[in-house]
N, C-alpha and C. Protein backbone atom coordinates (compact mmCIF):
# COMPACT_ATOMS: atom_id res chain seq x y z
N MET A 1 25.64 30.22 -76.81
CA MET A 1 26.09 30.46 -75.36
C MET A 1 25.98 29.33 -74.63
N PRO A 2 27.13 29.10 -74.04
CA PRO A 2 27.25 27.48 -73.06
C PRO A 2 26.40 27.92 -71.91
N ASP A 3 26.11 26.68 -71.05
CA ASP A 3 25.57 25.97 -70.63
C ASP A 3 25.76 26.73 -69.03
N ILE A 4 25.14 27.99 -68.36
CA ILE A 4 26.56 27.98 -67.23
C ILE A 4 25.05 28.03 -65.90
N GLN A 5 25.52 26.99 -65.21
CA GLN A 5 24.35 27.17 -64.00
C GLN A 5 25.05 28.00 -62.48
N TYR A 6 24.40 29.42 -62.06
CA TYR A 6 24.54 29.87 -60.65
C TYR A 6 24.45 29.48 -59.60
N ASP A 7 23.36 28.56 -59.38
CA ASP A 7 23.59 27.99 -58.28
C ASP A 7 23.89 26.76 -58.42
N GLN A 8 25.10 27.04 -57.16
CA GLN A 8 25.98 25.89 -57.14
C GLN A 8 25.37 25.08 -55.87
N VAL A 9 24.16 25.43 -55.35
CA VAL A 9 23.90 24.77 -53.82
C VAL A 9 22.84 23.37 -54.71
N ALA A 10 22.29 23.45 -56.07
CA ALA A 10 21.44 23.02 -56.41
C ALA A 10 22.38 21.97 -57.21
N GLN A 11 23.81 22.01 -57.22
CA GLN A 11 24.79 21.19 -57.85
C GLN A 11 25.19 19.99 -56.99
N THR A 12 25.28 20.29 -55.38
CA THR A 12 25.91 19.77 -54.68
C THR A 12 24.67 18.59 -54.19
N SER A 13 25.31 17.56 -53.75
CA SER A 13 24.59 16.12 -53.30
C SER A 13 24.12 16.65 -51.75
N GLU A 14 23.61 15.89 -51.24
CA GLU A 14 23.13 16.10 -50.13
C GLU A 14 23.98 15.41 -48.96
N HIS A 15 24.91 14.58 -49.55
CA HIS A 15 26.16 13.90 -48.69
C HIS A 15 27.23 14.50 -48.87
N LYS A 16 27.48 15.70 -49.94
CA LYS A 16 28.50 16.58 -49.76
C LYS A 16 28.33 18.00 -48.58
N ARG A 17 27.03 18.02 -48.37
CA ARG A 17 26.96 19.33 -47.33
C ARG A 17 26.96 18.78 -46.17
N PHE A 18 27.64 19.92 -45.01
CA PHE A 18 27.85 19.61 -43.71
C PHE A 18 26.90 20.19 -42.99
N PRO A 19 25.68 19.67 -42.92
CA PRO A 19 24.59 19.96 -42.07
C PRO A 19 25.17 20.10 -40.49
N LEU A 20 24.80 20.73 -39.82
CA LEU A 20 24.79 20.67 -38.27
C LEU A 20 23.96 19.59 -37.62
N HIS A 21 24.21 18.50 -36.76
CA HIS A 21 23.47 17.81 -36.36
C HIS A 21 23.66 17.51 -34.64
N PHE A 22 22.26 17.91 -34.07
CA PHE A 22 22.24 17.90 -32.50
C PHE A 22 21.72 16.83 -32.46
N PRO A 23 21.88 16.70 -31.19
CA PRO A 23 21.66 14.71 -30.50
C PRO A 23 20.00 14.69 -29.76
N SER A 24 19.67 13.77 -30.69
CA SER A 24 18.58 13.62 -30.02
C SER A 24 18.50 13.01 -29.05
N PHE A 25 17.50 13.64 -27.94
CA PHE A 25 17.66 13.01 -26.74
C PHE A 25 16.29 12.19 -26.49
N LYS A 26 15.75 11.11 -26.06
CA LYS A 26 14.83 10.51 -25.83
C LYS A 26 14.29 10.81 -24.43
N PHE A 27 13.43 11.79 -23.88
CA PHE A 27 13.03 12.26 -22.86
C PHE A 27 11.91 11.69 -22.30
N GLY A 28 11.44 11.28 -20.91
CA GLY A 28 10.00 10.68 -20.89
C GLY A 28 9.90 12.37 -19.81
N GLN A 29 8.63 12.43 -19.71
CA GLN A 29 7.82 13.73 -18.87
C GLN A 29 8.31 14.50 -18.16
N ILE A 30 8.63 13.83 -16.86
CA ILE A 30 10.19 14.33 -16.13
C ILE A 30 11.27 15.08 -16.67
N GLY A 31 11.71 13.93 -17.31
CA GLY A 31 13.58 14.30 -18.45
C GLY A 31 13.11 15.45 -19.00
N ARG A 32 11.96 15.48 -19.89
CA ARG A 32 11.43 16.71 -20.53
C ARG A 32 11.32 18.13 -19.43
N PHE A 33 10.69 17.81 -18.24
CA PHE A 33 10.39 18.59 -17.57
C PHE A 33 11.89 19.44 -16.97
N LEU A 34 12.88 18.56 -16.22
CA LEU A 34 13.60 18.88 -16.00
C LEU A 34 14.98 19.29 -16.84
N GLY A 35 14.70 18.92 -18.27
CA GLY A 35 15.51 19.70 -19.58
C GLY A 35 15.10 20.99 -19.15
N ILE A 36 13.94 21.20 -19.62
CA ILE A 36 13.32 23.14 -19.89
C ILE A 36 13.67 23.45 -18.74
N ILE A 37 13.93 23.18 -17.66
CA ILE A 37 13.89 23.90 -16.19
C ILE A 37 15.56 24.29 -16.36
N LEU A 38 16.56 23.13 -16.78
CA LEU A 38 17.84 23.07 -16.82
C LEU A 38 18.12 24.31 -17.74
N VAL A 39 17.50 24.62 -19.06
CA VAL A 39 17.89 25.58 -20.57
C VAL A 39 17.29 26.90 -19.38
N ILE A 40 16.40 26.97 -19.21
CA ILE A 40 16.21 27.84 -18.49
C ILE A 40 17.14 28.79 -17.75
N VAL A 41 17.53 27.97 -16.54
CA VAL A 41 18.27 28.42 -15.40
C VAL A 41 19.77 28.73 -16.21
N LEU A 42 20.37 27.55 -17.11
CA LEU A 42 21.28 28.54 -17.69
C LEU A 42 21.32 29.28 -18.59
N LEU A 43 20.37 29.79 -19.27
CA LEU A 43 20.13 30.71 -20.41
C LEU A 43 19.95 32.24 -19.27
N ASN A 44 19.63 32.03 -18.53
CA ASN A 44 19.00 32.84 -17.28
C ASN A 44 20.54 33.57 -17.22
N LEU A 45 21.33 32.72 -16.38
CA LEU A 45 23.00 33.04 -15.63
C LEU A 45 23.26 33.85 -17.16
N ALA A 46 23.75 33.02 -18.17
CA ALA A 46 24.13 33.95 -19.24
C ALA A 46 23.27 34.96 -19.73
N ALA A 47 22.03 35.20 -19.48
CA ALA A 47 21.43 36.41 -19.82
C ALA A 47 22.00 37.52 -18.49
N ALA A 48 22.20 37.04 -17.86
CA ALA A 48 22.91 38.14 -16.61
C ALA A 48 24.35 38.79 -16.94
N VAL A 49 25.53 37.34 -17.67
CA VAL A 49 26.19 37.96 -18.18
C VAL A 49 26.18 39.41 -18.74
N ILE A 50 25.17 38.80 -20.19
CA ILE A 50 25.24 39.46 -21.13
C ILE A 50 24.82 41.06 -20.92
N ALA A 51 23.47 40.89 -19.81
CA ALA A 51 23.15 42.22 -19.21
C ALA A 51 24.21 42.96 -18.31
N GLY A 52 25.31 42.22 -17.49
CA GLY A 52 26.38 42.87 -17.22
C GLY A 52 27.35 43.70 -18.04
N PHE A 53 27.74 42.91 -19.37
CA PHE A 53 28.31 43.16 -20.22
C PHE A 53 27.64 44.87 -20.97
N ILE A 54 26.74 44.45 -20.89
CA ILE A 54 26.12 45.77 -21.76
C ILE A 54 26.13 47.45 -20.86
N SER A 55 25.55 46.58 -19.54
CA SER A 55 25.41 47.95 -18.64
C SER A 55 27.11 48.35 -18.63
N ALA A 56 28.33 47.67 -18.17
CA ALA A 56 29.21 48.10 -17.84
C ALA A 56 29.89 48.72 -19.34
N PHE A 57 29.55 48.42 -20.99
CA PHE A 57 29.86 49.40 -21.92
C PHE A 57 28.84 50.73 -21.96
N SER A 58 27.84 50.75 -21.38
CA SER A 58 26.92 52.16 -21.53
C SER A 58 26.79 52.33 -20.05
N SER A 59 26.75 54.16 -20.51
CA SER A 59 26.55 54.69 -18.95
C SER A 59 24.99 55.09 -18.98
N ASN A 60 24.42 54.59 -19.80
CA ASN A 60 23.06 54.99 -19.75
C ASN A 60 21.86 53.39 -18.98
N ILE A 61 22.41 52.24 -18.57
CA ILE A 61 21.92 51.25 -18.23
C ILE A 61 22.41 51.11 -17.22
N ASP A 62 21.53 50.72 -15.60
CA ASP A 62 22.01 50.63 -15.02
C ASP A 62 21.68 49.45 -14.16
N VAL A 63 21.90 47.64 -13.76
CA VAL A 63 21.45 46.68 -13.54
C VAL A 63 21.66 46.65 -12.00
N ASN A 64 20.46 46.90 -11.66
CA ASN A 64 20.39 46.73 -10.07
C ASN A 64 20.05 44.86 -9.86
N SER A 65 20.31 43.92 -9.27
CA SER A 65 19.53 42.53 -9.66
C SER A 65 19.56 42.73 -7.94
N LEU A 66 19.64 43.14 -7.22
CA LEU A 66 18.95 43.39 -5.80
C LEU A 66 17.64 44.05 -5.36
N SER A 67 17.41 44.63 -6.08
CA SER A 67 16.11 45.57 -6.19
C SER A 67 15.19 44.64 -6.78
N LEU A 68 13.95 44.64 -5.61
CA LEU A 68 12.99 43.90 -6.77
C LEU A 68 11.74 44.82 -6.29
N THR A 69 11.39 45.73 -7.32
CA THR A 69 10.15 47.03 -7.33
C THR A 69 9.16 46.45 -8.10
N PHE A 70 8.21 46.51 -8.07
CA PHE A 70 7.37 46.13 -8.98
C PHE A 70 6.88 47.77 -9.97
N ASP A 71 7.23 47.22 -11.51
CA ASP A 71 7.03 48.64 -12.29
C ASP A 71 5.89 48.28 -13.42
N PRO A 72 4.50 48.57 -13.71
CA PRO A 72 3.81 47.66 -14.41
C PRO A 72 3.90 48.36 -15.95
N GLN A 73 4.80 49.44 -15.90
CA GLN A 73 5.56 49.85 -17.29
C GLN A 73 6.68 48.13 -17.71
N ILE A 74 7.06 47.71 -16.99
CA ILE A 74 8.52 46.42 -17.22
C ILE A 74 7.43 45.07 -17.77
N THR A 75 6.26 44.80 -16.72
CA THR A 75 5.23 44.01 -17.30
C THR A 75 4.70 44.16 -18.55
N ILE A 76 4.10 45.50 -18.72
CA ILE A 76 3.43 45.78 -20.07
C ILE A 76 4.90 45.25 -21.12
N ALA A 77 5.70 45.93 -21.11
CA ALA A 77 6.86 45.52 -22.08
C ALA A 77 7.39 44.10 -22.40
N TYR A 78 6.84 43.45 -20.85
CA TYR A 78 7.28 41.77 -20.82
C TYR A 78 6.24 41.33 -21.86
N ILE A 79 4.75 41.42 -21.80
CA ILE A 79 3.79 40.77 -22.30
C ILE A 79 3.94 41.47 -23.72
N LEU A 80 4.66 42.38 -24.42
CA LEU A 80 4.63 42.95 -25.71
C LEU A 80 5.91 41.85 -26.22
N VAL A 81 6.96 41.61 -25.85
CA VAL A 81 8.11 40.52 -26.41
C VAL A 81 7.29 39.56 -26.25
N TYR A 82 6.49 38.75 -25.27
CA TYR A 82 5.92 37.68 -25.45
C TYR A 82 4.61 37.09 -26.45
N TYR A 83 3.94 38.86 -26.77
CA TYR A 83 2.65 38.85 -27.86
C TYR A 83 3.57 38.61 -29.10
N SER A 84 4.75 39.24 -29.21
CA SER A 84 5.44 39.53 -30.82
C SER A 84 6.06 38.27 -31.15
N PHE A 85 6.65 37.82 -30.07
CA PHE A 85 7.19 36.40 -30.07
C PHE A 85 6.23 35.19 -30.50
N VAL A 86 5.37 34.96 -29.60
CA VAL A 86 4.30 34.16 -30.03
C VAL A 86 3.95 34.50 -31.45
N HIS A 87 3.45 35.78 -31.98
CA HIS A 87 3.05 36.22 -33.28
C HIS A 87 4.02 35.53 -34.42
N PHE A 88 5.28 35.48 -33.98
CA PHE A 88 6.21 35.30 -34.96
C PHE A 88 6.42 33.93 -34.99
N TYR A 89 6.23 33.16 -33.65
CA TYR A 89 6.74 31.51 -34.14
C TYR A 89 5.11 31.06 -33.39
N LYS A 90 4.64 30.06 -34.28
CA LYS A 90 3.35 29.63 -34.10
C LYS A 90 3.24 28.17 -32.98
N LEU A 91 3.41 28.72 -31.60
CA LEU A 91 3.26 27.91 -30.46
C LEU A 91 2.01 27.17 -30.21
N THR A 92 1.84 26.00 -29.65
CA THR A 92 0.59 25.56 -29.65
C THR A 92 0.16 26.28 -27.91
N PRO A 93 -1.21 26.02 -28.07
CA PRO A 93 -2.14 26.91 -27.15
C PRO A 93 -1.29 26.52 -25.82
N ARG A 94 -0.13 25.05 -25.04
CA ARG A 94 -0.25 25.19 -24.31
C ARG A 94 1.25 25.99 -24.17
N GLN A 95 2.03 25.46 -25.15
CA GLN A 95 3.45 26.76 -24.95
C GLN A 95 3.36 27.90 -24.91
N SER A 96 2.42 28.16 -25.56
CA SER A 96 2.07 29.56 -25.55
C SER A 96 1.74 30.36 -24.09
N TYR A 97 0.72 29.68 -23.64
CA TYR A 97 0.46 29.78 -22.16
C TYR A 97 1.61 29.78 -21.19
N LEU A 98 2.46 28.88 -21.27
CA LEU A 98 3.41 28.34 -20.31
C LEU A 98 4.37 29.74 -20.68
N TYR A 99 4.39 29.90 -21.87
CA TYR A 99 5.54 30.92 -22.18
C TYR A 99 5.27 32.16 -21.79
N LEU A 100 3.88 32.65 -21.61
CA LEU A 100 3.07 34.07 -20.72
C LEU A 100 3.39 34.07 -19.32
N ILE A 101 3.31 32.46 -18.87
CA ILE A 101 3.77 32.79 -17.39
C ILE A 101 4.90 32.73 -16.92
N LEU A 102 6.03 32.14 -17.74
CA LEU A 102 7.47 32.54 -17.57
C LEU A 102 7.64 34.26 -17.84
N ALA A 103 6.88 34.92 -18.75
CA ALA A 103 7.29 36.26 -19.00
C ALA A 103 6.33 37.20 -17.91
N LEU A 104 5.54 36.55 -17.17
CA LEU A 104 5.09 37.29 -15.70
C LEU A 104 6.04 37.15 -14.42
N ILE A 105 6.41 35.69 -14.90
CA ILE A 105 7.33 35.41 -13.60
C ILE A 105 8.34 36.13 -13.91
N LEU A 106 8.94 35.88 -14.90
CA LEU A 106 10.97 37.26 -15.61
C LEU A 106 9.79 38.98 -15.17
N SER A 107 8.89 39.37 -15.19
CA SER A 107 8.85 40.94 -15.18
C SER A 107 8.80 40.94 -13.59
N PHE A 108 8.30 40.26 -12.58
CA PHE A 108 8.80 40.21 -11.20
C PHE A 108 10.00 40.30 -10.76
N THR A 109 10.85 39.35 -11.19
CA THR A 109 11.89 38.76 -10.57
C THR A 109 13.56 39.19 -11.10
N THR A 110 13.47 39.53 -12.55
CA THR A 110 14.77 40.21 -13.22
C THR A 110 14.63 41.61 -14.40
N ASN A 111 15.54 41.66 -14.45
CA ASN A 111 15.06 43.49 -15.04
C ASN A 111 15.12 43.09 -16.96
N PHE A 112 14.57 44.15 -17.41
CA PHE A 112 14.13 44.10 -18.82
C PHE A 112 14.86 43.09 -19.70
N ILE A 113 16.53 43.59 -19.56
CA ILE A 113 17.45 43.14 -20.77
C ILE A 113 17.83 42.03 -19.78
N GLN A 114 17.76 41.55 -18.96
CA GLN A 114 18.17 40.01 -18.77
C GLN A 114 16.90 39.10 -19.36
N GLY A 115 15.79 39.67 -19.05
CA GLY A 115 14.40 38.93 -19.04
C GLY A 115 13.88 38.55 -20.06
N SER A 116 14.20 39.57 -21.19
CA SER A 116 14.12 39.49 -23.11
C SER A 116 14.82 39.07 -23.31
N ILE A 117 16.53 39.18 -23.35
CA ILE A 117 17.13 38.12 -23.45
C ILE A 117 17.08 36.68 -23.60
N THR A 118 16.46 36.24 -22.03
CA THR A 118 15.90 35.00 -21.75
C THR A 118 15.02 34.54 -22.77
N MET A 119 13.47 35.46 -22.74
CA MET A 119 12.97 35.22 -23.78
C MET A 119 12.91 35.44 -25.24
N ILE A 120 13.92 35.46 -25.01
CA ILE A 120 13.95 35.50 -26.99
C ILE A 120 14.83 34.49 -27.78
N VAL A 121 16.13 34.27 -26.75
CA VAL A 121 16.76 33.21 -27.17
C VAL A 121 16.57 31.31 -26.35
N LEU A 122 15.44 31.85 -25.88
CA LEU A 122 14.57 30.19 -24.84
C LEU A 122 14.12 29.06 -25.91
N PRO A 123 13.08 29.72 -26.61
CA PRO A 123 12.61 29.23 -27.79
C PRO A 123 13.26 28.08 -28.70
N PRO A 124 14.26 29.33 -29.17
CA PRO A 124 15.48 28.28 -30.65
C PRO A 124 15.89 27.28 -29.62
N ILE A 125 16.61 27.60 -28.44
CA ILE A 125 17.64 26.26 -27.91
C ILE A 125 16.33 25.41 -27.69
N LEU A 126 15.44 25.40 -26.81
CA LEU A 126 14.59 24.16 -26.46
C LEU A 126 14.06 23.80 -28.12
N LYS A 127 13.86 24.29 -29.38
CA LYS A 127 13.67 23.41 -30.16
C LYS A 127 14.74 22.48 -30.85
N LYS A 128 15.82 23.16 -30.52
CA LYS A 128 17.10 22.72 -31.25
C LYS A 128 17.14 21.61 -30.62
N PHE A 129 17.28 21.18 -29.04
CA PHE A 129 17.18 20.06 -28.02
C PHE A 129 15.96 19.21 -28.41
N LYS A 130 15.38 19.55 -29.09
CA LYS A 130 13.92 18.55 -29.50
C LYS A 130 13.16 18.42 -27.90
N LEU A 131 13.10 19.64 -27.23
CA LEU A 131 12.22 19.76 -25.76
C LEU A 131 10.92 20.46 -26.28
N ILE A 132 10.84 21.29 -27.25
CA ILE A 132 9.53 21.83 -27.81
C ILE A 132 9.30 21.72 -29.37
N GLU A 133 8.21 21.55 -29.49
CA GLU A 133 7.61 21.74 -31.16
C GLU A 133 7.02 22.70 -31.39
N ILE A 134 7.36 23.51 -32.58
CA ILE A 134 6.97 24.61 -33.04
C ILE A 134 6.20 24.47 -34.35
N ILE A 135 4.86 25.00 -33.98
CA ILE A 135 4.28 24.72 -35.28
C ILE A 135 4.82 25.21 -36.42
N PRO A 136 4.82 24.93 -37.90
CA PRO A 136 5.32 25.16 -39.18
C PRO A 136 4.22 26.09 -39.53
N GLN A 137 4.67 27.54 -39.85
CA GLN A 137 3.41 28.61 -40.47
C GLN A 137 3.22 28.12 -41.75
N ALA A 138 2.03 27.98 -42.20
CA ALA A 138 1.76 28.09 -43.50
C ALA A 138 1.62 29.37 -44.37
C-alpha cells in the first residue's frame, strides 16, 4: 500500500500560505476611542444601506428612519442580541458593559434590522483592527 497523505494543509509550510495581514495600528487611549467611534459611525451607515436594500426587496419590512417611537419589545430584542453575542464571544466585563450601553442606545435611535446588523458586525471588525481584545474561550 503506498504512503498517501490526504491532509494537504499539513504538507504546506507556513511561508507558502497566504494569510491576510491587517495593519497593526498603535493608538493611544484617545486614538483608540476615536477609532472605535469612527468604526461605529461607518458601520451604522453601512447597516442603514443594507437595511434599505432588505426593505426594498421585501414587502413585509418597512424602514422608517424618521420615527423614534419607544417600543419595549424592540429593546428586549436588542438585549437578547446583546446577550447572545456576549455569550458566544467572551468579552471583558468593561467591554460587555459598553456593548450593553451601545445596545440600549441603538434600541432608542435605530430600527432593529439596522441596529442588529451593527451589533453583530461591530466586534469582529474592531478585533480585526486590534481596537478591542476578545478573551479566548477555554
